[in-house]
Amino acid sequence: MSPNWIQLASIIMFLGVALGAFAAHGLKSRLTEYGMDIFKTAVLYQFIHGLALFILAWLSTVTQSPKIGYAGAFFLAGIVFFSGSLYILAITNIRWMGAITPLGGICFLIGWVLLLGVKL
């Protein structure tokens, strides 16, 4: 059974809006400028890859390529590792969280490479 990409993308986008608003209003006075930049980067990449999940929802209606599901899994992992580690880094300043971020970036790249092979 394949995931419902529209629901997953909607959750990711909802959380992106909520976390962006939380940072702008709730963390504004608590984060340094550098911390706020890190948080904004996390939100941006979450939004970009949330939109990618909507693209996967559409692609899954026009082709049955298993690469779509794999790409989606890598996009989700990328959001968790890339954006998640940056959220934690920005809020807690736990520096080693930055070492996890590239794993998420690699997941994003793998997801995009997988989509290169999808035939319509």
N, C-alpha and C. Protein backbone atom coordinates (compact mmCIF):
# COMPACT_ATOMS: atom_id res chain seq x y z
N MET A 1 0.85 -1.19 0.00
CA MET A 1 0.00 0.00 0.00
C MET A 1 0.89 1.25 0.00
N SER A 2 0.66 2.13 -0.95
CA SER A 2 1.47 3.33 -1.04
C SER A 2 0.90 4.42 -0.13
N PRO A 3 1.79 5.28 0.35
CA PRO A 3 1.32 6.36 1.23
C PRO A 3 0.43 7.34 0.49
N ASN A 4 -0.38 8.04 1.22
CA ASN A 4 -1.20 9.09 0.64
C ASN A 4 -0.35 10.37 0.64
N TRP A 5 0.25 10.64 -0.50
CA TRP A 5 1.18 11.76 -0.60
C TRP A 5 0.51 13.10 -0.33
N ILE A 6 -0.76 13.24 -0.69
CA ILE A 6 -1.45 14.51 -0.44
C ILE A 6 -1.59 14.75 1.06
N GLN A 7 -1.96 13.72 1.81
CA GLN A 7 -2.07 13.89 3.27
C GLN A 7 -0.72 14.18 3.90
N LEU A 8 0.31 13.41 3.50
CA LEU A 8 1.64 13.65 4.06
C LEU A 8 2.15 15.05 3.72
N ALA A 9 1.97 15.46 2.47
CA ALA A 9 2.40 16.79 2.07
C ALA A 9 1.64 17.87 2.85
N SER A 10 0.36 17.66 3.06
CA SER A 10 -0.45 18.63 3.81
C SER A 10 0.04 18.76 5.24
N ILE A 11 0.39 17.65 5.86
CA ILE A 11 0.91 17.68 7.24
C ILE A 11 2.25 18.42 7.27
N ILE A 12 3.13 18.11 6.33
CA ILE A 12 4.44 18.78 6.26
C ILE A 12 4.27 20.28 6.06
N MET A 13 3.37 20.68 5.17
CA MET A 13 3.16 22.10 4.91
C MET A 13 2.51 22.79 6.11
N PHE A 14 1.54 22.13 6.74
CA PHE A 14 0.91 22.67 7.95
C PHE A 14 1.98 22.94 9.01
N LEU A 15 2.84 21.94 9.23
CA LEU A 15 3.89 22.10 10.23
C LEU A 15 4.87 23.20 9.84
N GLY A 16 5.13 23.35 8.54
CA GLY A 16 6.01 24.42 8.09
C GLY A 16 5.45 25.79 8.44
N VAL A 17 4.16 25.97 8.20
CA VAL A 17 3.51 27.25 8.54
C VAL A 17 3.53 27.45 10.06
N ALA A 18 3.18 26.41 10.80
CA ALA A 18 3.13 26.52 12.26
C ALA A 18 4.52 26.82 12.84
N LEU A 19 5.54 26.12 12.36
CA LEU A 19 6.88 26.36 12.89
C LEU A 19 7.42 27.72 12.47
N GLY A 20 7.11 28.14 11.25
CA GLY A 20 7.52 29.48 10.81
C GLY A 20 6.88 30.57 11.66
N ALA A 21 5.59 30.42 11.95
CA ALA A 21 4.90 31.39 12.80
C ALA A 21 5.44 31.36 14.23
N PHE A 22 5.70 30.14 14.71
CA PHE A 22 6.27 29.98 16.06
C PHE A 22 7.60 30.71 16.16
N ALA A 23 8.44 30.57 15.15
CA ALA A 23 9.74 31.25 15.18
C ALA A 23 9.57 32.76 15.12
N ALA A 24 8.70 33.22 14.23
CA ALA A 24 8.53 34.66 14.04
C ALA A 24 7.94 35.34 15.27
N HIS A 25 7.08 34.63 15.98
CA HIS A 25 6.40 35.26 17.11
C HIS A 25 6.88 34.76 18.47
N GLY A 26 7.13 33.48 18.58
CA GLY A 26 7.48 32.91 19.88
C GLY A 26 8.97 32.85 20.16
N LEU A 27 9.77 32.79 19.12
CA LEU A 27 11.22 32.65 19.33
C LEU A 27 12.00 33.90 18.99
N LYS A 28 11.31 34.89 18.45
CA LYS A 28 11.97 36.12 17.99
C LYS A 28 12.92 36.71 19.03
N SER A 29 12.48 36.77 20.27
CA SER A 29 13.29 37.38 21.33
C SER A 29 14.24 36.38 21.98
N ARG A 30 14.09 35.08 21.66
CA ARG A 30 14.90 34.06 22.32
C ARG A 30 16.06 33.57 21.48
N LEU A 31 15.97 33.75 20.15
CA LEU A 31 17.03 33.26 19.27
C LEU A 31 17.94 34.40 18.85
N THR A 32 19.20 34.07 18.66
CA THR A 32 20.12 35.04 18.08
C THR A 32 19.76 35.20 16.60
N GLU A 33 20.35 36.17 15.96
CA GLU A 33 20.12 36.34 14.53
C GLU A 33 20.57 35.09 13.77
N TYR A 34 21.70 34.53 14.18
CA TYR A 34 22.21 33.31 13.56
C TYR A 34 21.24 32.15 13.79
N GLY A 35 20.72 32.02 15.01
CA GLY A 35 19.75 30.96 15.30
C GLY A 35 18.47 31.12 14.48
N MET A 36 18.02 32.35 14.31
CA MET A 36 16.83 32.61 13.50
C MET A 36 17.08 32.27 12.04
N ASP A 37 18.28 32.57 11.54
CA ASP A 37 18.62 32.20 10.16
C ASP A 37 18.61 30.68 9.98
N ILE A 38 19.13 29.96 10.96
CA ILE A 38 19.13 28.50 10.90
C ILE A 38 17.69 27.98 10.87
N PHE A 39 16.86 28.53 11.73
CA PHE A 39 15.46 28.10 11.80
C PHE A 39 14.75 28.38 10.47
N LYS A 40 14.98 29.56 9.90
CA LYS A 40 14.36 29.92 8.62
C LYS A 40 14.81 28.98 7.50
N THR A 41 16.08 28.58 7.52
CA THR A 41 16.57 27.63 6.52
C THR A 41 15.83 26.30 6.65
N ALA A 42 15.62 25.85 7.89
CA ALA A 42 14.90 24.61 8.12
C ALA A 42 13.48 24.69 7.58
N VAL A 43 12.81 25.80 7.84
CA VAL A 43 11.44 25.99 7.35
C VAL A 43 11.41 26.02 5.82
N LEU A 44 12.36 26.73 5.21
CA LEU A 44 12.41 26.83 3.75
C LEU A 44 12.55 25.45 3.10
N TYR A 45 13.49 24.65 3.59
CA TYR A 45 13.69 23.33 3.00
C TYR A 45 12.50 22.41 3.27
N GLN A 46 11.86 22.59 4.41
CA GLN A 46 10.65 21.82 4.69
C GLN A 46 9.56 22.17 3.69
N PHE A 47 9.38 23.46 3.40
CA PHE A 47 8.37 23.88 2.43
C PHE A 47 8.70 23.37 1.02
N ILE A 48 9.93 23.50 0.61
CA ILE A 48 10.31 23.06 -0.74
C ILE A 48 10.00 21.57 -0.90
N HIS A 49 10.35 20.79 0.09
CA HIS A 49 10.16 19.35 -0.04
C HIS A 49 8.73 18.92 0.29
N GLY A 50 8.00 19.74 1.00
CA GLY A 50 6.56 19.52 1.14
C GLY A 50 5.88 19.69 -0.22
N LEU A 51 6.29 20.72 -0.96
CA LEU A 51 5.76 20.90 -2.32
C LEU A 51 6.17 19.73 -3.22
N ALA A 52 7.38 19.23 -3.03
CA ALA A 52 7.82 18.07 -3.80
C ALA A 52 6.91 16.87 -3.54
N LEU A 53 6.44 16.73 -2.31
CA LEU A 53 5.52 15.63 -2.00
C LEU A 53 4.19 15.80 -2.73
N PHE A 54 3.74 17.04 -2.91
CA PHE A 54 2.54 17.27 -3.72
C PHE A 54 2.80 16.86 -5.19
N ILE A 55 3.99 17.15 -5.68
CA ILE A 55 4.35 16.72 -7.03
C ILE A 55 4.31 15.19 -7.12
N LEU A 56 4.80 14.53 -6.08
CA LEU A 56 4.75 13.06 -6.06
C LEU A 56 3.31 12.56 -6.07
N ALA A 57 2.43 13.27 -5.38
CA ALA A 57 1.02 12.88 -5.39
C ALA A 57 0.48 12.90 -6.81
N TRP A 58 0.81 13.96 -7.54
CA TRP A 58 0.37 14.04 -8.94
C TRP A 58 1.04 12.96 -9.79
N LEU A 59 2.36 12.81 -9.63
CA LEU A 59 3.08 11.81 -10.43
C LEU A 59 2.52 10.40 -10.21
N SER A 60 2.10 10.11 -9.00
CA SER A 60 1.58 8.77 -8.71
C SER A 60 0.26 8.50 -9.43
N THR A 61 -0.38 9.56 -9.97
CA THR A 61 -1.62 9.36 -10.73
C THR A 61 -1.35 9.14 -12.21
N VAL A 62 -0.14 9.47 -12.67
CA VAL A 62 0.16 9.34 -14.10
C VAL A 62 1.15 8.22 -14.41
N THR A 63 1.81 7.69 -13.40
CA THR A 63 2.74 6.58 -13.60
C THR A 63 2.81 5.75 -12.32
N GLN A 64 3.13 4.49 -12.48
CA GLN A 64 3.22 3.59 -11.33
C GLN A 64 4.68 3.28 -10.97
N SER A 65 5.59 4.14 -11.33
CA SER A 65 7.01 3.91 -11.06
C SER A 65 7.26 3.79 -9.55
N PRO A 66 7.94 2.73 -9.13
CA PRO A 66 8.28 2.60 -7.71
C PRO A 66 9.24 3.69 -7.23
N LYS A 67 9.90 4.35 -8.18
CA LYS A 67 10.83 5.42 -7.82
C LYS A 67 10.11 6.58 -7.12
N ILE A 68 8.84 6.74 -7.40
CA ILE A 68 8.07 7.81 -6.77
C ILE A 68 7.99 7.57 -5.26
N GLY A 69 7.68 6.37 -4.88
CA GLY A 69 7.60 6.04 -3.45
C GLY A 69 8.95 6.17 -2.76
N TYR A 70 10.00 5.71 -3.44
CA TYR A 70 11.34 5.83 -2.85
C TYR A 70 11.74 7.30 -2.70
N ALA A 71 11.45 8.09 -3.73
CA ALA A 71 11.76 9.52 -3.66
C ALA A 71 11.02 10.17 -2.50
N GLY A 72 9.75 9.82 -2.34
CA GLY A 72 8.98 10.37 -1.23
C GLY A 72 9.56 9.99 0.11
N ALA A 73 9.98 8.75 0.25
CA ALA A 73 10.59 8.31 1.51
C ALA A 73 11.87 9.09 1.79
N PHE A 74 12.66 9.33 0.74
CA PHE A 74 13.89 10.11 0.94
C PHE A 74 13.59 11.57 1.24
N PHE A 75 12.55 12.14 0.61
CA PHE A 75 12.17 13.52 0.94
C PHE A 75 11.73 13.62 2.40
N LEU A 76 10.93 12.65 2.86
CA LEU A 76 10.48 12.67 4.25
C LEU A 76 11.66 12.52 5.20
N ALA A 77 12.57 11.60 4.89
CA ALA A 77 13.77 11.44 5.73
C ALA A 77 14.59 12.71 5.72
N GLY A 78 14.70 13.35 4.57
CA GLY A 78 15.44 14.60 4.47
C GLY A 78 14.85 15.69 5.34
N ILE A 79 13.52 15.77 5.35
CA ILE A 79 12.86 16.77 6.19
C ILE A 79 13.16 16.50 7.65
N VAL A 80 13.07 15.25 8.05
CA VAL A 80 13.33 14.90 9.46
C VAL A 80 14.79 15.20 9.83
N PHE A 81 15.73 14.71 9.02
CA PHE A 81 17.14 14.88 9.37
C PHE A 81 17.66 16.29 9.11
N PHE A 82 17.33 16.88 7.97
CA PHE A 82 17.84 18.22 7.64
C PHE A 82 17.12 19.28 8.47
N SER A 83 15.82 19.41 8.22
CA SER A 83 15.08 20.46 8.93
C SER A 83 15.02 20.18 10.42
N GLY A 84 14.77 18.93 10.79
CA GLY A 84 14.67 18.58 12.21
C GLY A 84 15.93 18.92 12.98
N SER A 85 17.09 18.56 12.42
CA SER A 85 18.34 18.86 13.13
C SER A 85 18.58 20.36 13.21
N LEU A 86 18.19 21.09 12.18
CA LEU A 86 18.36 22.55 12.23
C LEU A 86 17.42 23.20 13.24
N TYR A 87 16.19 22.68 13.34
CA TYR A 87 15.27 23.21 14.36
C TYR A 87 15.87 23.03 15.75
N ILE A 88 16.36 21.83 16.00
CA ILE A 88 16.94 21.54 17.31
C ILE A 88 18.18 22.39 17.56
N LEU A 89 19.04 22.50 16.54
CA LEU A 89 20.25 23.31 16.66
C LEU A 89 19.90 24.77 16.98
N ALA A 90 18.94 25.32 16.26
CA ALA A 90 18.57 26.73 16.45
C ALA A 90 18.03 26.98 17.85
N ILE A 91 17.22 26.05 18.35
CA ILE A 91 16.56 26.26 19.65
C ILE A 91 17.49 25.94 20.82
N THR A 92 18.29 24.87 20.69
CA THR A 92 19.08 24.41 21.84
C THR A 92 20.55 24.78 21.77
N ASN A 93 21.02 25.13 20.57
CA ASN A 93 22.43 25.40 20.33
C ASN A 93 23.32 24.18 20.61
N ILE A 94 22.73 22.99 20.48
CA ILE A 94 23.51 21.75 20.59
C ILE A 94 24.25 21.60 19.27
N ARG A 95 25.53 21.90 19.27
CA ARG A 95 26.31 22.03 18.04
C ARG A 95 26.41 20.73 17.24
N TRP A 96 26.46 19.58 17.92
CA TRP A 96 26.63 18.33 17.17
C TRP A 96 25.41 18.00 16.32
N MET A 97 24.29 18.68 16.55
CA MET A 97 23.11 18.46 15.69
C MET A 97 23.42 18.87 14.25
N GLY A 98 24.33 19.81 14.10
CA GLY A 98 24.74 20.24 12.77
C GLY A 98 25.39 19.12 11.96
N ALA A 99 25.93 18.11 12.66
CA ALA A 99 26.54 16.98 11.97
C ALA A 99 25.50 16.07 11.33
N ILE A 100 24.26 16.14 11.79
CA ILE A 100 23.18 15.32 11.24
C ILE A 100 22.60 15.96 9.97
N THR A 101 22.66 17.26 9.90
CA THR A 101 22.06 18.01 8.80
C THR A 101 22.48 17.51 7.42
N PRO A 102 23.76 17.26 7.18
CA PRO A 102 24.14 16.78 5.83
C PRO A 102 23.49 15.45 5.44
N LEU A 103 23.18 14.60 6.42
CA LEU A 103 22.47 13.36 6.10
C LEU A 103 21.12 13.67 5.46
N GLY A 104 20.44 14.67 6.00
CA GLY A 104 19.17 15.10 5.41
C GLY A 104 19.36 15.66 4.02
N GLY A 105 20.43 16.43 3.83
CA GLY A 105 20.71 16.97 2.51
C GLY A 105 20.97 15.87 1.50
N ILE A 106 21.67 14.83 1.91
CA ILE A 106 21.91 13.69 1.03
C ILE A 106 20.60 13.00 0.70
N CYS A 107 19.71 12.87 1.68
CA CYS A 107 18.39 12.28 1.42
C CYS A 107 17.63 13.09 0.37
N PHE A 108 17.66 14.42 0.50
CA PHE A 108 17.00 15.27 -0.49
C PHE A 108 17.58 15.01 -1.88
N LEU A 109 18.90 14.98 -1.97
CA LEU A 109 19.55 14.77 -3.27
C LEU A 109 19.17 13.42 -3.87
N ILE A 110 19.16 12.38 -3.05
CA ILE A 110 18.78 11.06 -3.54
C ILE A 110 17.34 11.08 -4.06
N GLY A 111 16.45 11.74 -3.34
CA GLY A 111 15.06 11.85 -3.80
C GLY A 111 14.96 12.49 -5.16
N TRP A 112 15.69 13.58 -5.36
CA TRP A 112 15.64 14.27 -6.66
C TRP A 112 16.26 13.41 -7.76
N VAL A 113 17.35 12.71 -7.46
CA VAL A 113 17.97 11.84 -8.46
C VAL A 113 17.01 10.70 -8.84
N LEU A 114 16.30 10.17 -7.87
CA LEU A 114 15.33 9.11 -8.18
C LEU A 114 14.27 9.61 -9.15
N LEU A 115 13.86 10.85 -9.00
CA LEU A 115 12.84 11.38 -9.90
C LEU A 115 13.36 11.58 -11.32
N LEU A 116 14.67 11.68 -11.47
CA LEU A 116 15.24 11.79 -12.81
C LEU A 116 14.87 10.58 -13.67
N GLY A 117 14.72 9.43 -13.03
CA GLY A 117 14.46 8.21 -13.77
C GLY A 117 13.00 7.88 -13.98
N VAL A 118 12.09 8.74 -13.54
CA VAL A 118 10.67 8.47 -13.68
C VAL A 118 10.23 8.82 -15.10
N LYS A 119 9.63 7.85 -15.75
CA LYS A 119 9.12 8.05 -17.12
C LYS A 119 7.62 8.34 -17.06
N LEU A 120 7.20 9.36 -17.78
CA LEU A 120 5.76 9.69 -17.84
C LEU A 120 5.13 9.03 -19.02
